[in-house]
C-alpha atoms as a PDB file:
ATOM      1  CA  UNK A   1      93.802 112.105 125.081  1.00  0.00           C
ATOM      2  CA  UNK A   2      92.673 109.400 122.634  1.00  0.00           C
ATOM      3  CA  UNK A   3      95.569 108.575 120.260  1.00  0.00           C
ATOM      4  CA  UNK A   4      93.394 108.657 117.148  1.00  0.00           C
ATOM      5  CA  UNK A   5      91.835 111.999 118.143  1.00  0.00           C
ATOM      6  CA  UNK A   6      95.321 113.406 118.718  1.00  0.00           C
ATOM      7  CA  UNK A   7      96.430 112.180 115.288  1.00  0.00           C
ATOM      8  CA  UNK A   8      93.340 113.711 113.697  1.00  0.00           C
ATOM      9  CA  UNK A   9      93.980 117.104 115.286  1.00  0.00           C
ATOM     10  CA  UNK A  10      97.614 117.050 114.200  1.00  0.00           C
ATOM     11  CA  UNK A  11      96.626 116.116 110.669  1.00  0.00           C
ATOM     12  CA  UNK A  12      93.982 118.831 110.359  1.00  0.00           C
ATOM     13  CA  UNK A  13      96.437 121.431 111.610  1.00  0.00           C
ATOM     14  CA  UNK A  14      99.375 120.348 109.474  1.00  0.00           C
ATOM     15  CA  UNK A  15      98.039 119.376 106.046  1.00  0.00           C
ATOM     16  CA  UNK A  16      96.874 122.763 104.777  1.00  0.00           C
ATOM     17  CA  UNK A  17     100.265 123.784 103.380  1.00  0.00           C
ATOM     18  CA  UNK A  18     100.851 120.441 101.689  1.00  0.00           C
ATOM     19  CA  UNK A  19      97.372 120.392 100.228  1.00  0.00           C
ATOM     20  CA  UNK A  20      97.694 123.935  98.890  1.00  0.00           C
ATOM     21  CA  UNK A  21     100.925 123.051  97.109  1.00  0.00           C
ATOM     22  CA  UNK A  22      99.364 119.946  95.617  1.00  0.00           C
ATOM     23  CA  UNK A  23      96.198 121.742  94.592  1.00  0.00           C
ATOM     24  CA  UNK A  24      98.169 123.891  92.192  1.00  0.00           C
ATOM     25  CA  UNK A  25     100.511 121.125  91.040  1.00  0.00           C
ATOM     26  CA  UNK A  26      98.585 120.403  87.841  1.00  0.00           C
ATOM     27  CA  UNK A  27      99.564 122.232  84.662  1.00  0.00           C
ATOM     28  CA  UNK A  28      97.506 125.385  84.156  1.00  0.00           C
ATOM     29  CA  UNK A  29      96.763 124.420  80.557  1.00  0.00           C
ATOM     30  CA  UNK A  30      95.316 121.086  81.704  1.00  0.00           C
ATOM     31  CA  UNK A  31      93.018 122.715  84.264  1.00  0.00           C
ATOM     32  CA  UNK A  32      91.956 125.306  81.696  1.00  0.00           C
ATOM     33  CA  UNK A  33      91.234 122.647  79.106  1.00  0.00           C
ATOM     34  CA  UNK A  34      89.123 120.686  81.538  1.00  0.00           C
ATOM     35  CA  UNK A  35      87.313 123.814  82.648  1.00  0.00           C
ATOM     36  CA  UNK A  36      86.516 124.778  79.048  1.00  0.00           C
ATOM     37  CA  UNK A  37      85.193 121.318  78.256  1.00  0.00           C
ATOM     38  CA  UNK A  38      83.141 120.982  81.431  1.00  0.00           C
ATOM     39  CA  UNK A  39      81.816 124.532  81.222  1.00  0.00           C
ATOM     40  CA  UNK A  40      79.605 123.488  78.319  1.00  0.00           C
ATOM     41  CA  UNK A  41      77.651 121.277  80.710  1.00  0.00           C
ATOM     42  CA  UNK A  42      74.931 122.864  82.831  1.00  0.00           C
ATOM     43  CA  UNK A  43      75.628 120.364  85.612  1.00  0.00           C
ATOM     44  CA  UNK A  44      79.055 119.961  87.111  1.00  0.00           C
ATOM     45  CA  UNK A  45      80.205 116.356  87.531  1.00  0.00           C
ATOM     46  CA  UNK A  46      79.958 114.877  90.999  1.00  0.00           C
ATOM     47  CA  UNK A  47      83.123 113.081  92.088  1.00  0.00           C
ATOM     48  CA  UNK A  48      83.053 110.797  95.130  1.00  0.00           C
ATOM     49  CA  UNK A  49      86.310 110.107  96.979  1.00  0.00           C
ATOM     50  CA  UNK A  50      85.869 106.872  98.972  1.00  0.00           C
ATOM     51  CA  UNK A  51      88.749 106.151 101.332  1.00  0.00           C
ATOM     52  CA  UNK A  52      89.765 103.696 103.995  1.00  0.00           C
ATOM     53  CA  UNK A  53      89.862 104.594 107.705  1.00  0.00           C
ATOM     54  CA  UNK A  54      89.701 108.291 108.523  1.00  0.00           C
ATOM     55  CA  UNK A  55      91.217 107.394 111.908  1.00  0.00           C
ATOM     56  CA  UNK A  56      94.445 107.046 109.905  1.00  0.00           C
ATOM     57  CA  UNK A  57      96.176 110.394 109.433  1.00  0.00           C
ATOM     58  CA  UNK A  58      97.211 109.355 105.923  1.00  0.00           C
ATOM     59  CA  UNK A  59      93.602 109.377 104.720  1.00  0.00           C
ATOM     60  CA  UNK A  60      92.840 112.640 106.511  1.00  0.00           C
ATOM     61  CA  UNK A  61      95.668 114.155 104.484  1.00  0.00           C
ATOM     62  CA  UNK A  62      94.192 112.612 101.343  1.00  0.00           C
ATOM     63  CA  UNK A  63      90.738 113.987 102.134  1.00  0.00           C
ATOM     64  CA  UNK A  64      92.044 117.486 102.842  1.00  0.00           C
ATOM     65  CA  UNK A  65      94.096 117.504  99.653  1.00  0.00           C
ATOM     66  CA  UNK A  66      90.996 116.603  97.643  1.00  0.00           C
ATOM     67  CA  UNK A  67      88.843 119.228  99.353  1.00  0.00           C
ATOM     68  CA  UNK A  68      91.456 121.900  98.828  1.00  0.00           C
ATOM     69  CA  UNK A  69      91.770 121.031  95.145  1.00  0.00           C
ATOM     70  CA  UNK A  70      87.992 121.325  94.716  1.00  0.00           C
ATOM     71  CA  UNK A  71      87.932 124.600  96.656  1.00  0.00           C
ATOM     72  CA  UNK A  72      90.474 126.139  94.275  1.00  0.00           C
ATOM     73  CA  UNK A  73      88.840 124.647  91.170  1.00  0.00           C
ATOM     74  CA  UNK A  74      85.101 124.946  91.953  1.00  0.00           C
ATOM     75  CA  UNK A  75      84.179 125.272  88.301  1.00  0.00           C
ATOM     76  CA  UNK A  76      85.460 121.776  87.537  1.00  0.00           C
ATOM     77  CA  UNK A  77      83.464 119.500  89.832  1.00  0.00           C
ATOM     78  CA  UNK A  78      81.543 118.917  93.045  1.00  0.00           C
ATOM     79  CA  UNK A  79      83.166 116.638  95.626  1.00  0.00           C
ATOM     80  CA  UNK A  80      81.792 114.137  98.124  1.00  0.00           C
ATOM     81  CA  UNK A  81      84.224 112.445 100.521  1.00  0.00           C
ATOM     82  CA  UNK A  82      83.698 109.496 102.818  1.00  0.00           C
ATOM     83  CA  UNK A  83      85.694 106.866 104.681  1.00  0.00           C
ATOM     84  CA  UNK A  84      85.214 103.867 106.910  1.00  0.00           C
ATOM     85  CA  UNK A  85      85.611 103.369 110.646  1.00  0.00           C
ATOM     86  CA  UNK A  86      88.678 101.152 110.495  1.00  0.00           C
ATOM     87  CA  UNK A  87      90.893  99.529 107.914  1.00  0.00           C
ATOM     88  CA  UNK A  88      89.043  96.192 107.960  1.00  0.00           C
ATOM     89  CA  UNK A  89      85.491  97.560 107.682  1.00  0.00           C
ATOM     90  CA  UNK A  90      85.149  96.303 104.122  1.00  0.00           C
ATOM     91  CA  UNK A  91      81.383  95.743 104.280  1.00  0.00           C
ATOM     92  CA  UNK A  92      80.774  99.382 105.161  1.00  0.00           C
ATOM     93  CA  UNK A  93      83.017 100.592 102.348  1.00  0.00           C
ATOM     94  CA  UNK A  94      81.000  98.495  99.927  1.00  0.00           C
ATOM     95  CA  UNK A  95      77.823 100.151 101.280  1.00  0.00           C
ATOM     96  CA  UNK A  96      79.368 103.596 100.760  1.00  0.00           C
ATOM     97  CA  UNK A  97      80.111 102.777  97.109  1.00  0.00           C
ATOM     98  CA  UNK A  98      76.553 101.490  96.701  1.00  0.00           C
ATOM     99  CA  UNK A  99      75.268 104.774  98.150  1.00  0.00           C
ATOM    100  CA  UNK A 100      77.321 106.703  95.602  1.00  0.00           C
ATOM    101  CA  UNK A 101      75.778 104.615  92.839  1.00  0.00           C
ATOM    102  CA  UNK A 102      72.272 105.441  94.103  1.00  0.00           C
ATOM    103  CA  UNK A 103      73.295 109.116  94.436  1.00  0.00           C
ATOM    104  CA  UNK A 104      74.296 109.039  90.744  1.00  0.00           C
ATOM    105  CA  UNK A 105      77.891 110.102  91.185  1.00  0.00           C
ATOM    106  CA  UNK A 106      79.602 110.724  87.863  1.00  0.00           C
ATOM    107  CA  UNK A 107      82.920 109.320  89.079  1.00  0.00           C
ATOM    108  CA  UNK A 108      84.204 107.384  92.085  1.00  0.00           C
ATOM    109  CA  UNK A 109      87.842 107.617  93.180  1.00  0.00           C
ATOM    110  CA  UNK A 110      88.354 104.591  95.410  1.00  0.00           C
ATOM    111  CA  UNK A 111      91.042 103.572  97.905  1.00  0.00           C
ATOM    112  CA  UNK A 112      89.774 100.021  98.509  1.00  0.00           C
ATOM    113  CA  UNK A 113      89.993  98.382 101.914  1.00  0.00           C
ATOM    114  CA  UNK A 114      90.290  94.989 100.213  1.00  0.00           C
ATOM    115  CA  UNK A 115      91.788  94.327  96.800  1.00  0.00           C
ATOM    116  CA  UNK A 116      89.307  91.578  95.897  1.00  0.00           C
ATOM    117  CA  UNK A 117      86.138  92.185  97.913  1.00  0.00           C
ATOM    118  CA  UNK A 118      85.508  95.633  96.385  1.00  0.00           C
ATOM    119  CA  UNK A 119      85.598  94.407  92.778  1.00  0.00           C
ATOM    120  CA  UNK A 120      81.918  93.306  92.552  1.00  0.00           C
ATOM    121  CA  UNK A 121      80.611  96.688  93.725  1.00  0.00           C
ATOM    122  CA  UNK A 122      83.053  98.427  91.376  1.00  0.00           C
ATOM    123  CA  UNK A 123      81.461  96.431  88.550  1.00  0.00           C
ATOM    124  CA  UNK A 124      78.036  97.666  89.693  1.00  0.00           C
ATOM    125  CA  UNK A 125      79.297 101.230  89.501  1.00  0.00           C
ATOM    126  CA  UNK A 126      80.830 100.779  86.055  1.00  0.00           C
ATOM    127  CA  UNK A 127      77.656  99.056  84.808  1.00  0.00           C
ATOM    128  CA  UNK A 128      75.726 102.102  86.054  1.00  0.00           C
ATOM    129  CA  UNK A 129      77.859 104.330  83.824  1.00  0.00           C
ATOM    130  CA  UNK A 130      80.090 105.695  86.597  1.00  0.00           C
ATOM    131  CA  UNK A 131      83.799 106.251  85.948  1.00  0.00           C
ATOM    132  CA  UNK A 132      85.859 104.446  88.618  1.00  0.00           C
ATOM    133  CA  UNK A 133      89.488 105.296  89.389  1.00  0.00           C
ATOM    134  CA  UNK A 134      91.502 103.175  91.836  1.00  0.00           C
ATOM    135  CA  UNK A 135      94.032 104.903  94.138  1.00  0.00           C
ATOM    136  CA  UNK A 136      96.320 103.923  97.042  1.00  0.00           C
ATOM    137  CA  UNK A 137      95.675 100.157  97.148  1.00  0.00           C
ATOM    138  CA  UNK A 138      95.462  98.410  93.804  1.00  0.00           C
ATOM    139  CA  UNK A 139      92.467  96.226  93.007  1.00  0.00           C
ATOM    140  CA  UNK A 140      93.456  92.652  92.202  1.00  0.00           C
ATOM    141  CA  UNK A 141      94.249  92.453  88.444  1.00  0.00           C
ATOM    142  CA  UNK A 142      93.158  88.813  88.145  1.00  0.00           C
ATOM    143  CA  UNK A 143      89.771  89.490  89.763  1.00  0.00           C
ATOM    144  CA  UNK A 144      89.286  92.569  87.560  1.00  0.00           C
ATOM    145  CA  UNK A 145      90.090  90.498  84.495  1.00  0.00           C
ATOM    146  CA  UNK A 146      87.616  87.810  85.550  1.00  0.00           C
ATOM    147  CA  UNK A 147      84.933  90.521  85.735  1.00  0.00           C
ATOM    148  CA  UNK A 148      86.104  91.985  82.404  1.00  0.00           C
ATOM    149  CA  UNK A 149      86.854  95.278  84.120  1.00  0.00           C
ATOM    150  CA  UNK A 150      89.413  97.954  83.278  1.00  0.00           C
ATOM    151  CA  UNK A 151      90.031 100.194  86.307  1.00  0.00           C
ATOM    152  CA  UNK A 152      92.995 102.603  86.107  1.00  0.00           C
ATOM    153  CA  UNK A 153      95.313 102.629  89.122  1.00  0.00           C
ATOM    154  CA  UNK A 154      96.743 105.946  90.285  1.00  0.00           C
ATOM    155  CA  UNK A 155      99.346 105.417  92.974  1.00  0.00           C
ATOM    156  CA  UNK A 156     102.908 104.511  93.908  1.00  0.00           C
ATOM    157  CA  UNK A 157     104.947 101.366  93.424  1.00  0.00           C
ATOM    158  CA  UNK A 158     104.644 100.079  96.992  1.00  0.00           C
ATOM    159  CA  UNK A 159     107.249  97.378  96.540  1.00  0.00           C
ATOM    160  CA  UNK A 160     109.765  99.952  95.348  1.00  0.00           C
ATOM    161  CA  UNK A 161     108.990 102.224  98.291  1.00  0.00           C
ATOM    162  CA  UNK A 162     109.389  99.423 100.829  1.00  0.00           C
ATOM    163  CA  UNK A 163     112.628  98.329  99.164  1.00  0.00           C
ATOM    164  CA  UNK A 164     114.071 101.828  99.669  1.00  0.00           C
ATOM    165  CA  UNK A 165     113.219 101.695 103.369  1.00  0.00           C
ATOM    166  CA  UNK A 166     114.582  98.171 103.752  1.00  0.00           C
ATOM    167  CA  UNK A 167     117.845  99.026 102.010  1.00  0.00           C
ATOM    168  CA  UNK A 168     118.343 101.999 104.325  1.00  0.00           C
ATOM    169  CA  UNK A 169     117.666  99.805 107.365  1.00  0.00           C
ATOM    170  CA  UNK A 170     120.072  97.142 106.083  1.00  0.00           C
ATOM    171  CA  UNK A 171     122.916  99.655 106.327  1.00  0.00           C
ATOM    172  CA  UNK A 172     122.391  99.658 110.104  1.00  0.00           C
ATOM    173  CA  UNK A 173     122.344  95.856 110.419  1.00  0.00           C
ATOM    174  CA  UNK A 174     124.723  93.030 109.657  1.00  0.00           C
ATOM    175  CA  UNK A 175     124.213  89.759 107.807  1.00  0.00           C
ATOM    176  CA  UNK A 176     122.419  87.204 109.935  1.00  0.00           C
ATOM    177  CA  UNK A 177     120.492  89.732 112.057  1.00  0.00           C
ATOM    178  CA  UNK A 178     116.905  88.786 112.859  1.00  0.00           C
ATOM    179  CA  UNK A 179     113.986  91.038 111.817  1.00  0.00           C
ATOM    180  CA  UNK A 180     110.199  90.917 111.900  1.00  0.00           C
ATOM    181  CA  UNK A 181     107.659  92.349 109.450  1.00  0.00           C
ATOM    182  CA  UNK A 182     104.357  93.808 110.637  1.00  0.00           C
ATOM    183  CA  UNK A 183     102.094  93.596 107.605  1.00  0.00           C
ATOM    184  CA  UNK A 184      98.955  95.585 106.843  1.00  0.00           C
ATOM    185  CA  UNK A 185      95.673  93.883 105.964  1.00  0.00           C
ATOM    186  CA  UNK A 186      96.976  90.759 104.286  1.00  0.00           C
ATOM    187  CA  UNK A 187      94.298  90.664 101.561  1.00  0.00           C
ATOM    188  CA  UNK A 188      95.338  94.082 100.218  1.00  0.00           C
ATOM    189  CA  UNK A 189      97.758  94.465  97.355  1.00  0.00           C
ATOM    190  CA  UNK A 190      99.661  97.345  98.925  1.00  0.00           C
ATOM    191  CA  UNK A 191     100.274  95.331 102.109  1.00  0.00           C
ATOM    192  CA  UNK A 192     101.532  92.404 100.052  1.00  0.00           C
ATOM    193  CA  UNK A 193     103.762  94.623  97.934  1.00  0.00           C
ATOM    194  CA  UNK A 194     105.278  96.408 100.921  1.00  0.00           C
ATOM    195  CA  UNK A 195     106.020  93.092 102.585  1.00  0.00           C
ATOM    196  CA  UNK A 196     107.604  91.899  99.344  1.00  0.00           C
ATOM    197  CA  UNK A 197     109.787  95.022  99.187  1.00  0.00           C
ATOM    198  CA  UNK A 198     110.871  94.577 102.792  1.00  0.00           C
ATOM    199  CA  UNK A 199     111.692  90.915 102.112  1.00  0.00           C
ATOM    200  CA  UNK A 200     113.655  91.839  98.982  1.00  0.00           C
ATOM    201  CA  UNK A 201     115.875  94.213 100.930  1.00  0.00           C
ATOM    202  CA  UNK A 202     116.378  91.903 103.911  1.00  0.00           C
ATOM    203  CA  UNK A 203     117.178  88.836 101.811  1.00  0.00           C
ATOM    204  CA  UNK A 204     119.646  90.721  99.616  1.00  0.00           C
ATOM    205  CA  UNK A 205     121.484  91.917 102.722  1.00  0.00           C
ATOM    206  CA  UNK A 206     121.449  88.486 104.371  1.00  0.00           C
ATOM    207  CA  UNK A 207     119.027  89.250 107.217  1.00  0.00           C
ATOM    208  CA  UNK A 208     116.732  86.588 108.658  1.00  0.00           C
ATOM    209  CA  UNK A 209     113.012  87.386 108.449  1.00  0.00           C
ATOM    210  CA  UNK A 210     111.724  85.543 111.513  1.00  0.00           C
ATOM    211  CA  UNK A 211     108.024  86.396 111.235  1.00  0.00           C
ATOM    212  CA  UNK A 212     105.456  88.198 109.093  1.00  0.00           C
ATOM    213  CA  UNK A 213     102.219  88.990 110.941  1.00  0.00           C
ATOM    214  CA  UNK A 214      99.326  91.320 110.181  1.00  0.00           C
ATOM    215  CA  UNK A 215      98.762  94.413 112.296  1.00  0.00           C
ATOM    216  CA  UNK A 216      95.758  95.358 110.103  1.00  0.00           C
ATOM    217  CA  UNK A 217      97.206  98.858 109.487  1.00  0.00           C
ATOM    218  CA  UNK A 218      96.221  99.878 113.053  1.00  0.00           C
ATOM    219  CA  UNK A 219      98.243 101.246 115.971  1.00  0.00           C
ATOM    220  CA  UNK A 220      96.846  98.942 118.655  1.00  0.00           C
ATOM    221  CA  UNK A 221      97.111  95.805 116.551  1.00  0.00           C
ATOM    222  CA  UNK A 222     100.582  96.794 115.408  1.00  0.00           C
ATOM    223  CA  UNK A 223     101.546  97.206 119.048  1.00  0.00           C
ATOM    224  CA  UNK A 224     100.226  93.743 119.954  1.00  0.00           C
ATOM    225  CA  UNK A 225     102.006  92.063 117.039  1.00  0.00           C
ATOM    226  CA  UNK A 226     105.280  93.857 117.794  1.00  0.00           C
ATOM    227  CA  UNK A 227     105.078  92.894 121.467  1.00  0.00           C
ATOM    228  CA  UNK A 228     104.499  89.248 120.582  1.00  0.00           C
ATOM    229  CA  UNK A 229     107.439  89.218 118.151  1.00  0.00           C
ATOM    230  CA  UNK A 230     109.785  90.826 120.669  1.00  0.00           C
ATOM    231  CA  UNK A 231     108.764  88.238 123.233  1.00  0.00           C
ATOM    232  CA  UNK A 232     109.142  85.281 120.874  1.00  0.00           C
ATOM    233  CA  UNK A 233     112.393  86.448 119.291  1.00  0.00           C
ATOM    234  CA  UNK A 234     114.554  88.101 121.976  1.00  0.00           C
ATOM    235  CA  UNK A 235     117.392  88.662 119.478  1.00  0.00           C
ATOM    236  CA  UNK A 236     115.244  90.648 117.055  1.00  0.00           C
ATOM    237  CA  UNK A 237     117.122  93.681 115.697  1.00  0.00           C
ATOM    238  CA  UNK A 238     114.407  95.424 113.687  1.00  0.00           C
ATOM    239  CA  UNK A 239     110.658  95.714 113.115  1.00  0.00           C
ATOM    240  CA  UNK A 240     109.514  96.698 109.625  1.00  0.00           C
ATOM    241  CA  UNK A 241     105.969  98.078 109.756  1.00  0.00           C
ATOM    242  CA  UNK A 242     103.831  98.377 106.629  1.00  0.00           C
ATOM    243  CA  UNK A 243     102.498 101.773 107.696  1.00  0.00           C
ATOM    244  CA  UNK A 244     103.272 104.455 110.256  1.00  0.00           C
ATOM    245  CA  UNK A 245     100.261 103.665 112.443  1.00  0.00           C
ATOM    246  CA  UNK A 246     101.671 100.198 113.084  1.00  0.00           C
ATOM    247  CA  UNK A 247     105.156 101.693 113.497  1.00  0.00           C
ATOM    248  CA  UNK A 248     103.789 103.898 116.285  1.00  0.00           C
ATOM    249  CA  UNK A 249     102.513 100.760 117.971  1.00  0.00           C
ATOM    250  CA  UNK A 250     105.868  99.042 117.452  1.00  0.00           C
ATOM    251  CA  UNK A 251     107.710 101.955 119.086  1.00  0.00           C
ATOM    252  CA  UNK A 252     105.516 101.573 122.167  1.00  0.00           C
ATOM    253  CA  UNK A 253     106.158  97.820 122.247  1.00  0.00           C
ATOM    254  CA  UNK A 254     109.926  98.347 122.004  1.00  0.00           C
ATOM    255  CA  UNK A 255     109.800 100.799 124.888  1.00  0.00           C
ATOM    256  CA  UNK A 256     107.627  98.475 127.005  1.00  0.00           C
ATOM    257  CA  UNK A 257     110.070  95.627 126.372  1.00  0.00           C
ATOM    258  CA  UNK A 258     113.009  97.774 127.498  1.00  0.00           C
ATOM    259  CA  UNK A 259     114.612  97.437 124.059  1.00  0.00           C
ATOM    260  CA  UNK A 260     114.946 101.112 123.091  1.00  0.00           C
ATOM    261  CA  UNK A 261     118.154 101.694 121.172  1.00  0.00           C
ATOM    262  CA  UNK A 262     118.445  97.969 120.476  1.00  0.00           C
ATOM    263  CA  UNK A 263     115.600  97.405 118.002  1.00  0.00           C
ATOM    264  CA  UNK A 264     115.155  99.574 114.913  1.00  0.00           C
ATOM    265  CA  UNK A 265     111.630 100.474 113.763  1.00  0.00           C
ATOM    266  CA  UNK A 266     110.683 101.585 110.253  1.00  0.00           C
ATOM    267  CA  UNK A 267     107.283 102.585 108.886  1.00  0.00           C
ATOM    268  CA  UNK A 268     105.610 103.777 105.702  1.00  0.00           C
ATOM    269  CA  UNK A 269     103.448 106.885 104.878  1.00  0.00           C
ATOM    270  CA  UNK A 270     105.326 109.789 106.539  1.00  0.00           C
ATOM    271  CA  UNK A 271     102.385 110.935 108.662  1.00  0.00           C
ATOM    272  CA  UNK A 272     102.953 113.953 110.911  1.00  0.00           C
ATOM    273  CA  UNK A 273     102.818 111.878 114.094  1.00  0.00           C
ATOM    274  CA  UNK A 274     105.953 109.996 113.023  1.00  0.00           C
ATOM    275  CA  UNK A 275     108.111 113.100 112.538  1.00  0.00           C
ATOM    276  CA  UNK A 276     109.180 113.575 116.202  1.00  0.00           C
ATOM    277  CA  UNK A 277     110.148 109.897 116.295  1.00  0.00           C
ATOM    278  CA  UNK A 278     112.259 110.222 113.169  1.00  0.00           C
ATOM    279  CA  UNK A 279     113.954 113.207 114.750  1.00  0.00           C
ATOM    280  CA  UNK A 280     114.855 111.464 118.007  1.00  0.00           C
ATOM    281  CA  UNK A 281     115.635 108.076 116.465  1.00  0.00           C
ATOM    282  CA  UNK A 282     112.718 106.025 117.764  1.00  0.00           C
ATOM    283  CA  UNK A 283     111.811 105.466 114.105  1.00  0.00           C
ATOM    284  CA  UNK A 284     114.642 105.050 111.623  1.00  0.00           C
ATOM    285  CA  UNK A 285     112.849 105.658 108.324  1.00  0.00           C
ATOM    286  CA  UNK A 286     109.534 105.853 106.527  1.00  0.00           C
ATOM    287  CA  UNK A 287     108.322 106.558 102.988  1.00  0.00           C
ATOM    288  CA  UNK A 288     106.301 109.494 101.705  1.00  0.00           C
ATOM    289  CA  UNK A 289     103.760 108.495  99.076  1.00  0.00           C
ATOM    290  CA  UNK A 290     102.085 111.925  99.030  1.00  0.00           C
ATOM    291  CA  UNK A 291      98.519 111.180 100.083  1.00  0.00           C
ATOM    292  CA  UNK A 292      97.118 114.519  98.936  1.00  0.00           C
ATOM    293  CA  UNK A 293      98.776 114.187  95.534  1.00  0.00           C
ATOM    294  CA  UNK A 294      97.290 110.715  95.037  1.00  0.00           C
ATOM    295  CA  UNK A 295      93.793 112.089  95.630  1.00  0.00           C
ATOM    296  CA  UNK A 296      94.313 115.042  93.295  1.00  0.00           C
ATOM    297  CA  UNK A 297      95.701 112.950  90.459  1.00  0.00           C
ATOM    298  CA  UNK A 298      92.973 110.349  90.958  1.00  0.00           C
ATOM    299  CA  UNK A 299      90.323 113.053  90.691  1.00  0.00           C
ATOM    300  CA  UNK A 300      92.086 114.606  87.706  1.00  0.00           C
ATOM    301  CA  UNK A 301      92.164 111.241  85.924  1.00  0.00           C
ATOM    302  CA  UNK A 302      88.411 110.937  86.484  1.00  0.00           C
ATOM    303  CA  UNK A 303      87.770 114.487  85.243  1.00  0.00           C
ATOM    304  CA  UNK A 304      89.799 113.901  82.093  1.00  0.00           C
ATOM    305  CA  UNK A 305      87.748 110.774  81.363  1.00  0.00           C
ATOM    306  CA  UNK A 306      84.493 112.673  81.896  1.00  0.00           C
ATOM    307  CA  UNK A 307      85.506 115.714  79.839  1.00  0.00           C
ATOM    308  CA  UNK A 308      86.620 113.522  76.931  1.00  0.00           C
ATOM    309  CA  UNK A 309      83.503 111.340  77.227  1.00  0.00           C
ATOM    310  CA  UNK A 310      85.621 108.205  77.428  1.00  0.00           C
ATOM    311  CA  UNK A 311      84.134 104.926  78.515  1.00  0.00           C
ATOM    312  CA  UNK A 312      85.652 102.972  81.393  1.00  0.00           C
ATOM    313  CA  UNK A 313      87.055 100.386  78.983  1.00  0.00           C
ATOM    314  CA  UNK A 314      88.958 103.097  77.097  1.00  0.00           C
ATOM    315  CA  UNK A 315      90.927 104.430  80.075  1.00  0.00           C
ATOM    316  CA  UNK A 316      94.679 103.887  80.444  1.00  0.00           C
ATOM    317  CA  UNK A 317      95.874 101.340  82.992  1.00  0.00           C
ATOM    318  CA  UNK A 318      98.193 103.107  85.441  1.00  0.00           C
ATOM    319  CA  UNK A 319      99.486 106.484  86.571  1.00  0.00           C
ATOM    320  CA  UNK A 320     102.482 105.983  88.870  1.00  0.00           C
ATOM    321  CA  UNK A 321     102.876 108.585  91.600  1.00  0.00           C
ATOM    322  CA  UNK A 322     106.066 109.278  93.592  1.00  0.00           C
ATOM    323  CA  UNK A 323     107.267 107.472  96.694  1.00  0.00           C
ATOM    324  CA  UNK A 324     110.366 108.745  98.495  1.00  0.00           C
ATOM    325  CA  UNK A 325     112.487 107.600 101.408  1.00  0.00           C
ATOM    326  CA  UNK A 326     112.247 109.828 104.506  1.00  0.00           C
ATOM    327  CA  UNK A 327     114.826 109.672 107.310  1.00  0.00           C
ATOM    328  CA  UNK A 328     116.019 111.908 110.125  1.00  0.00           C
END
């Protein structure tokens, strides 16, 4: 069976409980206040959730959390969700945002595939009077400033999350051990921050980071990068992957190289497909950044802006969401 199809089926089967819990996580008074304010309008606001690759279980979880929240709060808003084919399909994500502008969405909640390339189309949306909220991967602050844009970020501290994983891994290693980092798409802020967190932990513990290479957030590319690192550095003791998709690929590369039990693998995202590997030790650790919760709080931030009739420039800068270490 195709790996991505298998991941999708697992995600669709497993996220309902998580999404239900998240859907009711907001304070009742807040939901009531929003409902009372929005009820005065004859037309419910249309919120568009624009994600990265829906081949990634993380974004399926995000999508299902958003849909479940809307299902249990139908009086608050209408929801449109969309995602791209793969993590590097930036041009198509830009087209999706442009379509939402033409469709006159009231708000766009965006998980950008690229931290810089999406800024111009975000400006188009804001200029069209659409509220834009940034989730998951932070838009580049310098590029936003150059465009005179204020876009709130709702999401975790990725560097902090990666540091937690790296510190846990360091307990299994000794000073001088060699490690490799498999980075996400290198132009994205969350990839850069996770790599920075991994580096922080490894350098503090005296490990040697031998290589940092992009696996573009994808299983197959993560597998290829891991295989190349294992071949080039035969004394490698650990592979630190910037997401669980790439960690899955790294696990396969470790097995193919006959290095099981000799090379630790860590990931990031806590997708369902990683859980059996955490249990049997093929993956040492990951981080849960609560995909469904990010979507819900991103949508809620947009709804609060709409109900209070705030302009984009008046919105607050950041809402930090949790990120927790997950081990066996």
